[in-house]
PDB file of all heavy atoms in Angstrom:
ATOM      1  N   PHE A   1     -30.499   9.351 -11.314  1.00  0.00           N
ATOM      2  CA  PHE A   1     -30.786   8.112 -12.094  1.00  0.00           C
ATOM      3  C   PHE A   1     -29.926   6.867 -11.734  1.00  0.00           C
ATOM      4  O   PHE A   1     -30.340   5.811 -11.964  1.00  0.00           O
ATOM      5  CB  PHE A   1     -30.609   8.377 -13.618  1.00  0.00           C
ATOM      6  CG  PHE A   1     -31.390   9.525 -14.129  1.00  0.00           C
ATOM      7  CD1 PHE A   1     -30.771  10.748 -14.434  1.00  0.00           C
ATOM      8  CD2 PHE A   1     -32.771   9.427 -14.285  1.00  0.00           C
ATOM      9  CE1 PHE A   1     -31.485  11.814 -14.869  1.00  0.00           C
ATOM     10  CE2 PHE A   1     -33.526  10.517 -14.762  1.00  0.00           C
ATOM     11  CZ  PHE A   1     -32.863  11.707 -15.029  1.00  0.00           C
ATOM     12  N   VAL A   2     -28.767   7.088 -11.114  1.00  0.00           N
ATOM     13  CA  VAL A   2     -27.841   6.064 -10.852  1.00  0.00           C
ATOM     14  C   VAL A   2     -27.850   5.563  -9.441  1.00  0.00           C
ATOM     15  O   VAL A   2     -27.770   6.386  -8.505  1.00  0.00           O
ATOM     16  CB  VAL A   2     -26.372   6.544 -11.197  1.00  0.00           C
ATOM     17  CG1 VAL A   2     -25.357   5.486 -10.815  1.00  0.00           C
ATOM     18  CG2 VAL A   2     -26.285   6.785 -12.693  1.00  0.00           C
ATOM     19  N   SER A   3     -27.896   4.275  -9.256  1.00  0.00           N
ATOM     20  CA  SER A   3     -27.906   3.639  -7.909  1.00  0.00           C
ATOM     21  C   SER A   3     -26.460   3.527  -7.410  1.00  0.00           C
ATOM     22  O   SER A   3     -26.169   3.800  -6.255  1.00  0.00           O
ATOM     23  CB  SER A   3     -28.628   2.304  -7.981  1.00  0.00           C
ATOM     24  OG  SER A   3     -28.513   1.622  -6.733  1.00  0.00           O
ATOM     25  N   GLU A   4     -25.589   3.007  -8.277  1.00  0.00           N
ATOM     26  CA  GLU A   4     -24.190   2.857  -7.906  1.00  0.00           C
ATOM     27  C   GLU A   4     -23.324   2.666  -9.204  1.00  0.00           C
ATOM     28  O   GLU A   4     -23.916   2.246 -10.250  1.00  0.00           O
ATOM     29  CB  GLU A   4     -23.900   1.748  -6.928  1.00  0.00           C
ATOM     30  CG  GLU A   4     -24.245   0.373  -7.423  1.00  0.00           C
ATOM     31  CD  GLU A   4     -24.008  -0.706  -6.347  1.00  0.00           C
ATOM     32  OE1 GLU A   4     -23.807  -0.375  -5.201  1.00  0.00           O
ATOM     33  OE2 GLU A   4     -23.970  -1.851  -6.757  1.00  0.00           O
ATOM     34  N   ILE A   5     -22.102   2.909  -9.139  1.00  0.00           N
ATOM     35  CA  ILE A   5     -21.119   2.591 -10.184  1.00  0.00           C
ATOM     36  C   ILE A   5     -20.053   1.736  -9.658  1.00  0.00           C
ATOM     37  O   ILE A   5     -19.464   2.037  -8.570  1.00  0.00           O
ATOM     38  CB  ILE A   5     -20.577   3.932 -10.784  1.00  0.00           C
ATOM     39  CG1 ILE A   5     -21.682   4.763 -11.380  1.00  0.00           C
ATOM     40  CG2 ILE A   5     -19.480   3.637 -11.806  1.00  0.00           C
ATOM     41  CD1 ILE A   5     -21.196   6.110 -11.965  1.00  0.00           C
ATOM     42  N   ARG A   6     -19.728   0.648 -10.435  1.00  0.00           N
ATOM     43  CA  ARG A   6     -18.709  -0.262  -9.977  1.00  0.00           C
ATOM     44  C   ARG A   6     -17.609  -0.328 -11.008  1.00  0.00           C
ATOM     45  O   ARG A   6     -17.894  -0.423 -12.256  1.00  0.00           O
ATOM     46  CB  ARG A   6     -19.329  -1.605  -9.828  1.00  0.00           C
ATOM     47  CG  ARG A   6     -20.470  -1.720  -8.781  1.00  0.00           C
ATOM     48  CD  ARG A   6     -20.981  -3.076  -8.787  1.00  0.00           C
ATOM     49  NE  ARG A   6     -22.021  -3.236  -7.649  1.00  0.00           N
ATOM     50  CZ  ARG A   6     -22.470  -4.429  -7.245  1.00  0.00           C
ATOM     51  NH1 ARG A   6     -22.116  -5.523  -7.848  1.00  0.00           N
ATOM     52  NH2 ARG A   6     -23.377  -4.475  -6.266  1.00  0.00           N
ATOM     53  N   CYS A   7     -16.386  -0.305 -10.568  1.00  0.00           N
ATOM     54  CA  CYS A   7     -15.184  -0.449 -11.482  1.00  0.00           C
ATOM     55  C   CYS A   7     -14.475  -1.712 -11.074  1.00  0.00           C
ATOM     56  O   CYS A   7     -14.116  -1.845  -9.816  1.00  0.00           O
ATOM     57  CB  CYS A   7     -14.305   0.761 -11.404  1.00  0.00           C
ATOM     58  SG  CYS A   7     -15.096   2.309 -11.947  1.00  0.00           S
ATOM     59  N   TYR A   8     -14.196  -2.587 -12.014  1.00  0.00           N
ATOM     60  CA  TYR A   8     -13.578  -3.904 -11.705  1.00  0.00           C
ATOM     61  C   TYR A   8     -12.201  -4.090 -12.404  1.00  0.00           C
ATOM     62  O   TYR A   8     -12.071  -3.706 -13.586  1.00  0.00           O
ATOM     63  CB  TYR A   8     -14.533  -5.020 -12.210  1.00  0.00           C
ATOM     64  CG  TYR A   8     -15.786  -5.140 -11.431  1.00  0.00           C
ATOM     65  CD1 TYR A   8     -16.958  -4.553 -11.871  1.00  0.00           C
ATOM     66  CD2 TYR A   8     -15.765  -5.920 -10.258  1.00  0.00           C
ATOM     67  CE1 TYR A   8     -18.196  -4.715 -11.153  1.00  0.00           C
ATOM     68  CE2 TYR A   8     -17.049  -6.103  -9.570  1.00  0.00           C
ATOM     69  CZ  TYR A   8     -18.176  -5.489 -10.007  1.00  0.00           C
ATOM     70  OH  TYR A   8     -19.343  -5.694  -9.296  1.00  0.00           O
ATOM     71  N   GLY A   9     -11.330  -4.689 -11.663  1.00  0.00           N
ATOM     72  CA  GLY A   9     -10.134  -5.204 -12.264  1.00  0.00           C
ATOM     73  C   GLY A   9      -9.846  -6.539 -11.697  1.00  0.00           C
ATOM     74  O   GLY A   9      -9.076  -6.709 -10.712  1.00  0.00           O
ATOM     75  N   LEU A  10     -10.541  -7.601 -12.123  1.00  0.00           N
ATOM     76  CA  LEU A  10     -10.519  -8.970 -11.535  1.00  0.00           C
ATOM     77  C   LEU A  10      -9.650  -9.833 -12.426  1.00  0.00           C
ATOM     78  O   LEU A  10      -9.740  -9.794 -13.706  1.00  0.00           O
ATOM     79  CB  LEU A  10     -11.909  -9.560 -11.556  1.00  0.00           C
ATOM     80  CG  LEU A  10     -13.015  -8.687 -10.819  1.00  0.00           C
ATOM     81  CD1 LEU A  10     -14.322  -9.408 -10.824  1.00  0.00           C
ATOM     82  CD2 LEU A  10     -12.546  -8.308  -9.430  1.00  0.00           C
ATOM     83  N   GLU A  11      -8.719 -10.591 -11.837  1.00  0.00           N
ATOM     84  CA  GLU A  11      -7.812 -11.358 -12.634  1.00  0.00           C
ATOM     85  C   GLU A  11      -7.646 -12.758 -12.034  1.00  0.00           C
ATOM     86  O   GLU A  11      -7.826 -13.011 -10.843  1.00  0.00           O
ATOM     87  CB  GLU A  11      -6.370 -10.753 -12.528  1.00  0.00           C
ATOM     88  CG  GLU A  11      -6.302  -9.351 -13.088  1.00  0.00           C
ATOM     89  CD  GLU A  11      -4.925  -8.738 -12.973  1.00  0.00           C
ATOM     90  OE1 GLU A  11      -4.470  -8.594 -11.781  1.00  0.00           O
ATOM     91  OE2 GLU A  11      -4.357  -8.444 -13.956  1.00  0.00           O
ATOM     92  N   SER A  12      -7.404 -13.753 -12.877  1.00  0.00           N
ATOM     93  CA  SER A  12      -7.165 -15.112 -12.448  1.00  0.00           C
ATOM     94  C   SER A  12      -5.751 -15.363 -12.211  1.00  0.00           C
ATOM     95  O   SER A  12      -5.364 -16.367 -11.513  1.00  0.00           O
ATOM     96  CB  SER A  12      -7.720 -16.137 -13.555  1.00  0.00           C
ATOM     97  OG  SER A  12      -6.979 -15.950 -14.734  1.00  0.00           O
ATOM     98  N   ILE A  13      -4.777 -14.526 -12.674  1.00  0.00           N
ATOM     99  CA  ILE A  13      -3.385 -14.742 -12.505  1.00  0.00           C
ATOM    100  C   ILE A  13      -3.001 -14.566 -11.082  1.00  0.00           C
ATOM    101  O   ILE A  13      -3.680 -13.870 -10.285  1.00  0.00           O
ATOM    102  CB  ILE A  13      -2.567 -13.823 -13.383  1.00  0.00           C
ATOM    103  CG1 ILE A  13      -2.860 -12.332 -13.034  1.00  0.00           C
ATOM    104  CG2 ILE A  13      -2.814 -14.044 -14.882  1.00  0.00           C
ATOM    105  CD1 ILE A  13      -1.931 -11.353 -13.718  1.00  0.00           C
ATOM    106  N   LEU A  14      -1.885 -15.194 -10.699  1.00  0.00           N
ATOM    107  CA  LEU A  14      -1.319 -15.012  -9.336  1.00  0.00           C
ATOM    108  C   LEU A  14      -0.278 -13.984  -9.324  1.00  0.00           C
ATOM    109  O   LEU A  14       0.181 -13.536 -10.419  1.00  0.00           O
ATOM    110  CB  LEU A  14      -0.882 -16.355  -8.806  1.00  0.00           C
ATOM    111  CG  LEU A  14      -1.815 -17.508  -8.904  1.00  0.00           C
ATOM    112  CD1 LEU A  14      -1.119 -18.733  -8.322  1.00  0.00           C
ATOM    113  CD2 LEU A  14      -3.117 -17.262  -8.168  1.00  0.00           C
ATOM    114  N   VAL A  15       0.126 -13.499  -8.159  1.00  0.00           N
ATOM    115  CA  VAL A  15       1.258 -12.554  -8.087  1.00  0.00           C
ATOM    116  C   VAL A  15       2.516 -13.224  -8.655  1.00  0.00           C
ATOM    117  O   VAL A  15       3.312 -12.565  -9.379  1.00  0.00           O
ATOM    118  CB  VAL A  15       1.416 -12.125  -6.584  1.00  0.00           C
ATOM    119  CG1 VAL A  15       2.678 -11.206  -6.548  1.00  0.00           C
ATOM    120  CG2 VAL A  15       0.193 -11.402  -6.142  1.00  0.00           C
ATOM    121  N   GLY A  16       2.810 -14.416  -8.236  1.00  0.00           N
ATOM    122  CA  GLY A  16       4.028 -15.123  -8.690  1.00  0.00           C
ATOM    123  C   GLY A  16       5.246 -14.739  -7.857  1.00  0.00           C
ATOM    124  O   GLY A  16       5.378 -13.727  -7.269  1.00  0.00           O
ATOM    125  N   LYS A  17       6.182 -15.711  -7.766  1.00  0.00           N
ATOM    126  CA  LYS A  17       7.392 -15.538  -6.929  1.00  0.00           C
ATOM    127  C   LYS A  17       8.201 -14.365  -7.450  1.00  0.00           C
ATOM    128  O   LYS A  17       8.815 -13.640  -6.662  1.00  0.00           O
ATOM    129  CB  LYS A  17       8.204 -16.768  -6.898  1.00  0.00           C
ATOM    130  CG  LYS A  17       7.504 -17.906  -6.151  1.00  0.00           C
ATOM    131  CD  LYS A  17       8.393 -19.171  -6.090  1.00  0.00           C
ATOM    132  CE  LYS A  17       7.752 -20.318  -5.306  1.00  0.00           C
ATOM    133  NZ  LYS A  17       8.580 -21.509  -5.198  1.00  0.00           N
ATOM    134  N   GLU A  18       8.267 -14.173  -8.792  1.00  0.00           N
ATOM    135  CA  GLU A  18       9.114 -13.140  -9.333  1.00  0.00           C
ATOM    136  C   GLU A  18       8.615 -11.780  -9.032  1.00  0.00           C
ATOM    137  O   GLU A  18       9.393 -10.779  -9.024  1.00  0.00           O
ATOM    138  CB  GLU A  18       9.185 -13.295 -10.904  1.00  0.00           C
ATOM    139  CG  GLU A  18       8.012 -13.104 -11.684  1.00  0.00           C
ATOM    140  CD  GLU A  18       7.081 -14.351 -11.658  1.00  0.00           C
ATOM    141  OE1 GLU A  18       7.434 -15.354 -11.027  1.00  0.00           O
ATOM    142  OE2 GLU A  18       5.953 -14.271 -12.304  1.00  0.00           O
ATOM    143  N   ARG A  19       7.341 -11.601  -8.742  1.00  0.00           N
ATOM    144  CA  ARG A  19       6.777 -10.244  -8.370  1.00  0.00           C
ATOM    145  C   ARG A  19       6.416 -10.149  -6.900  1.00  0.00           C
ATOM    146  O   ARG A  19       5.994  -9.104  -6.417  1.00  0.00           O
ATOM    147  CB  ARG A  19       5.505  -9.944  -9.177  1.00  0.00           C
ATOM    148  CG  ARG A  19       5.695  -9.750 -10.663  1.00  0.00           C
ATOM    149  CD  ARG A  19       4.471  -9.299 -11.363  1.00  0.00           C
ATOM    150  NE  ARG A  19       4.325  -7.826 -11.129  1.00  0.00           N
ATOM    151  CZ  ARG A  19       3.166  -7.274 -10.648  1.00  0.00           C
ATOM    152  NH1 ARG A  19       2.090  -8.070 -10.417  1.00  0.00           N
ATOM    153  NH2 ARG A  19       3.038  -5.980 -10.544  1.00  0.00           N
ATOM    154  N   GLY A  20       6.730 -11.186  -6.130  1.00  0.00           N
ATOM    155  CA  GLY A  20       6.400 -11.226  -4.727  1.00  0.00           C
ATOM    156  C   GLY A  20       6.946 -10.081  -3.973  1.00  0.00           C
ATOM    157  O   GLY A  20       6.368  -9.419  -3.122  1.00  0.00           O
ATOM    158  N   SER A  21       8.307  -9.850  -4.116  1.00  0.00           N
ATOM    159  CA  SER A  21       8.980  -8.785  -3.421  1.00  0.00           C
ATOM    160  C   SER A  21       8.480  -7.452  -3.751  1.00  0.00           C
ATOM    161  O   SER A  21       8.297  -6.554  -2.930  1.00  0.00           O
ATOM    162  CB  SER A  21      10.507  -8.833  -3.702  1.00  0.00           C
ATOM    163  OG  SER A  21      10.779  -8.691  -5.050  1.00  0.00           O
ATOM    164  N   PHE A  22       8.136  -7.158  -5.062  1.00  0.00           N
ATOM    165  CA  PHE A  22       7.570  -5.915  -5.426  1.00  0.00           C
ATOM    166  C   PHE A  22       6.222  -5.772  -4.777  1.00  0.00           C
ATOM    167  O   PHE A  22       5.889  -4.638  -4.251  1.00  0.00           O
ATOM    168  CB  PHE A  22       7.372  -5.920  -6.958  1.00  0.00           C
ATOM    169  CG  PHE A  22       6.425  -4.782  -7.453  1.00  0.00           C
ATOM    170  CD1 PHE A  22       6.861  -3.469  -7.451  1.00  0.00           C
ATOM    171  CD2 PHE A  22       5.169  -5.087  -8.011  1.00  0.00           C
ATOM    172  CE1 PHE A  22       6.020  -2.449  -7.888  1.00  0.00           C
ATOM    173  CE2 PHE A  22       4.351  -4.046  -8.356  1.00  0.00           C
ATOM    174  CZ  PHE A  22       4.794  -2.771  -8.361  1.00  0.00           C
ATOM    175  N   PHE A  23       5.402  -6.825  -4.858  1.00  0.00           N
ATOM    176  CA  PHE A  23       4.063  -6.707  -4.190  1.00  0.00           C
ATOM    177  C   PHE A  23       4.142  -6.420  -2.718  1.00  0.00           C
ATOM    178  O   PHE A  23       3.361  -5.646  -2.197  1.00  0.00           O
ATOM    179  CB  PHE A  23       3.285  -8.099  -4.423  1.00  0.00           C
ATOM    180  CG  PHE A  23       1.891  -7.955  -4.716  1.00  0.00           C
ATOM    181  CD1 PHE A  23       1.418  -7.318  -5.913  1.00  0.00           C
ATOM    182  CD2 PHE A  23       0.841  -8.388  -3.852  1.00  0.00           C
ATOM    183  CE1 PHE A  23       0.095  -7.187  -6.188  1.00  0.00           C
ATOM    184  CE2 PHE A  23      -0.445  -8.295  -4.118  1.00  0.00           C
ATOM    185  CZ  PHE A  23      -0.843  -7.706  -5.317  1.00  0.00           C
ATOM    186  N   GLU A  24       5.154  -7.013  -2.045  1.00  0.00           N
ATOM    187  CA  GLU A  24       5.318  -6.740  -0.619  1.00  0.00           C
ATOM    188  C   GLU A  24       5.674  -5.326  -0.294  1.00  0.00           C
ATOM    189  O   GLU A  24       5.482  -4.827   0.758  1.00  0.00           O
ATOM    190  CB  GLU A  24       6.360  -7.736  -0.118  1.00  0.00           C
ATOM    191  CG  GLU A  24       5.909  -9.181   0.154  1.00  0.00           C
ATOM    192  CD  GLU A  24       4.796  -9.246   1.212  1.00  0.00           C
ATOM    193  OE1 GLU A  24       5.066  -8.977   2.416  1.00  0.00           O
ATOM    194  OE2 GLU A  24       3.656  -9.493   0.827  1.00  0.00           O
ATOM    195  N   SER A  25       6.405  -4.670  -1.322  1.00  0.00           N
ATOM    196  CA  SER A  25       6.850  -3.329  -1.069  1.00  0.00           C
ATOM    197  C   SER A  25       5.675  -2.321  -1.177  1.00  0.00           C
ATOM    198  O   SER A  25       5.929  -1.151  -0.799  1.00  0.00           O
ATOM    199  CB  SER A  25       7.908  -2.938  -2.133  1.00  0.00           C
ATOM    200  OG  SER A  25       7.368  -2.875  -3.405  1.00  0.00           O
ATOM    201  N   LEU A  26       4.623  -2.699  -1.722  1.00  0.00           N
ATOM    202  CA  LEU A  26       3.450  -1.811  -1.839  1.00  0.00           C
ATOM    203  C   LEU A  26       2.697  -1.710  -0.550  1.00  0.00           C
ATOM    204  O   LEU A  26       2.693  -2.579   0.263  1.00  0.00           O
ATOM    205  CB  LEU A  26       2.470  -2.318  -2.956  1.00  0.00           C
ATOM    206  CG  LEU A  26       3.080  -2.515  -4.364  1.00  0.00           C
ATOM    207  CD1 LEU A  26       2.036  -3.115  -5.257  1.00  0.00           C
ATOM    208  CD2 LEU A  26       3.555  -1.183  -4.898  1.00  0.00           C
ATOM    209  N   ALA A  27       2.092  -0.558  -0.382  1.00  0.00           N
ATOM    210  CA  ALA A  27       1.417  -0.253   0.918  1.00  0.00           C
ATOM    211  C   ALA A  27       0.272  -1.184   1.157  1.00  0.00           C
ATOM    212  O   ALA A  27      -0.050  -1.556   2.266  1.00  0.00           O
ATOM    213  CB  ALA A  27       0.929   1.227   0.974  1.00  0.00           C
ATOM    214  N   ALA A  28      -0.391  -1.544   0.046  1.00  0.00           N
ATOM    215  CA  ALA A  28      -1.609  -2.449   0.207  1.00  0.00           C
ATOM    216  C   ALA A  28      -1.768  -3.328  -1.013  1.00  0.00           C
ATOM    217  O   ALA A  28      -2.800  -3.502  -1.584  1.00  0.00           O
ATOM    218  CB  ALA A  28      -2.908  -1.582   0.438  1.00  0.00           C
ATOM    219  N   GLY A  29      -0.690  -3.964  -1.391  1.00  0.00           N
ATOM    220  CA  GLY A  29      -0.743  -5.059  -2.391  1.00  0.00           C
ATOM    221  C   GLY A  29      -1.553  -4.721  -3.568  1.00  0.00           C
ATOM    222  O   GLY A  29      -1.302  -3.809  -4.327  1.00  0.00           O
ATOM    223  N   SER A  30      -2.609  -5.636  -3.835  1.00  0.00           N
ATOM    224  CA  SER A  30      -3.428  -5.471  -5.060  1.00  0.00           C
ATOM    225  C   SER A  30      -4.049  -4.163  -5.150  1.00  0.00           C
ATOM    226  O   SER A  30      -4.238  -3.598  -6.273  1.00  0.00           O
ATOM    227  CB  SER A  30      -4.483  -6.577  -5.072  1.00  0.00           C
ATOM    228  OG  SER A  30      -5.269  -6.519  -6.200  1.00  0.00           O
ATOM    229  N   TRP A  31      -4.487  -3.571  -4.000  1.00  0.00           N
ATOM    230  CA  TRP A  31      -5.161  -2.273  -4.116  1.00  0.00           C
ATOM    231  C   TRP A  31      -4.211  -1.131  -4.610  1.00  0.00           C
ATOM    232  O   TRP A  31      -4.564  -0.436  -5.535  1.00  0.00           O
ATOM    233  CB  TRP A  31      -5.676  -1.917  -2.651  1.00  0.00           C
ATOM    234  CG  TRP A  31      -6.228  -0.532  -2.537  1.00  0.00           C
ATOM    235  CD1 TRP A  31      -5.713   0.464  -1.680  1.00  0.00           C
ATOM    236  CD2 TRP A  31      -7.310   0.054  -3.246  1.00  0.00           C
ATOM    237  NE1 TRP A  31      -6.425   1.615  -1.848  1.00  0.00           N
ATOM    238  CE2 TRP A  31      -7.416   1.415  -2.789  1.00  0.00           C
ATOM    239  CE3 TRP A  31      -8.184  -0.370  -4.199  1.00  0.00           C
ATOM    240  CZ2 TRP A  31      -8.378   2.275  -3.273  1.00  0.00           C
ATOM    241  CZ3 TRP A  31      -9.121   0.495  -4.696  1.00  0.00           C
ATOM    242  CH2 TRP A  31      -9.223   1.763  -4.211  1.00  0.00           C
ATOM    243  N   THR A  32      -3.049  -1.121  -4.091  1.00  0.00           N
ATOM    244  CA  THR A  32      -1.996  -0.097  -4.552  1.00  0.00           C
ATOM    245  C   THR A  32      -1.669  -0.438  -6.021  1.00  0.00           C
ATOM    246  O   THR A  32      -1.453   0.499  -6.744  1.00  0.00           O
ATOM    247  CB  THR A  32      -0.782  -0.148  -3.638  1.00  0.00           C
ATOM    248  OG1 THR A  32      -1.202   0.057  -2.193  1.00  0.00           O
ATOM    249  CG2 THR A  32       0.123   0.958  -4.010  1.00  0.00           C
ATOM    250  N   ASP A  33      -1.464  -1.661  -6.304  1.00  0.00           N
ATOM    251  CA  ASP A  33      -1.000  -2.072  -7.693  1.00  0.00           C
ATOM    252  C   ASP A  33      -2.039  -1.712  -8.743  1.00  0.00           C
ATOM    253  O   ASP A  33      -1.686  -1.179  -9.796  1.00  0.00           O
ATOM    254  CB  ASP A  33      -0.786  -3.511  -7.652  1.00  0.00           C
ATOM    255  CG  ASP A  33      -0.240  -4.072  -8.934  1.00  0.00           C
ATOM    256  OD1 ASP A  33       0.616  -3.375  -9.583  1.00  0.00           O
ATOM    257  OD2 ASP A  33      -0.543  -5.235  -9.423  1.00  0.00           O
ATOM    258  N   MET A  34      -3.297  -1.929  -8.450  1.00  0.00           N
ATOM    259  CA  MET A  34      -4.292  -1.733  -9.524  1.00  0.00           C
ATOM    260  C   MET A  34      -5.080  -0.386  -9.459  1.00  0.00           C
ATOM    261  O   MET A  34      -5.460   0.127 -10.474  1.00  0.00           O
ATOM    262  CB  MET A  34      -5.377  -2.860  -9.407  1.00  0.00           C
ATOM    263  CG  MET A  34      -4.870  -4.217  -9.671  1.00  0.00           C
ATOM    264  SD  MET A  34      -4.575  -4.540 -11.422  1.00  0.00           S
ATOM    265  CE  MET A  34      -6.342  -4.710 -11.967  1.00  0.00           C
ATOM    266  N   HIS A  35      -5.172   0.132  -8.254  1.00  0.00           N
ATOM    267  CA  HIS A  35      -6.105   1.254  -8.099  1.00  0.00           C
ATOM    268  C   HIS A  35      -5.697   2.539  -8.774  1.00  0.00           C
ATOM    269  O   HIS A  35      -6.483   3.027  -9.676  1.00  0.00           O
ATOM    270  CB  HIS A  35      -6.296   1.524  -6.556  1.00  0.00           C
ATOM    271  CG  HIS A  35      -6.204   2.962  -6.227  1.00  0.00           C
ATOM    272  ND1 HIS A  35      -5.083   3.540  -6.001  1.00  0.00           N
ATOM    273  CD2 HIS A  35      -7.220   3.917  -6.069  1.00  0.00           C
ATOM    274  CE1 HIS A  35      -5.328   4.901  -5.685  1.00  0.00           C
ATOM    275  NE2 HIS A  35      -6.619   5.051  -5.770  1.00  0.00           N
ATOM    276  N   SER A  36      -4.551   3.095  -8.513  1.00  0.00           N
ATOM    277  CA  SER A  36      -4.239   4.376  -9.046  1.00  0.00           C
ATOM    278  C   SER A  36      -3.822   4.318 -10.565  1.00  0.00           C
ATOM    279  O   SER A  36      -3.833   5.285 -11.273  1.00  0.00           O
ATOM    280  CB  SER A  36      -3.138   5.107  -8.266  1.00  0.00           C
ATOM    281  OG  SER A  36      -1.997   4.304  -8.217  1.00  0.00           O
ATOM    282  N   HIS A  37      -3.502   3.076 -11.027  1.00  0.00           N
ATOM    283  CA  HIS A  37      -3.066   2.885 -12.390  1.00  0.00           C
ATOM    284  C   HIS A  37      -4.156   2.499 -13.268  1.00  0.00           C
ATOM    285  O   HIS A  37      -4.075   2.625 -14.541  1.00  0.00           O
ATOM    286  CB  HIS A  37      -1.960   1.835 -12.405  1.00  0.00           C
ATOM    287  CG  HIS A  37      -0.815   2.089 -11.434  1.00  0.00           C
ATOM    288  ND1 HIS A  37      -0.091   1.070 -10.868  1.00  0.00           N
ATOM    289  CD2 HIS A  37      -0.364   3.197 -10.948  1.00  0.00           C
ATOM    290  CE1 HIS A  37       0.781   1.627 -10.066  1.00  0.00           C
ATOM    291  NE2 HIS A  37       0.641   2.895 -10.077  1.00  0.00           N
TER     292      HIS A  37
END
C-alpha cells in the first residue's frame, strides 16, 4: 500500500559560531547530528 515514507528534521536555525567546532568534529555534520538521534 505504501509508495514511500519520508522522515524530516528541517530547521531554520543556523549552526552558529558556538557550535561550529562541534559540528566540524562530526563525520557528516547535519546528517550525523540529526540522523541517529
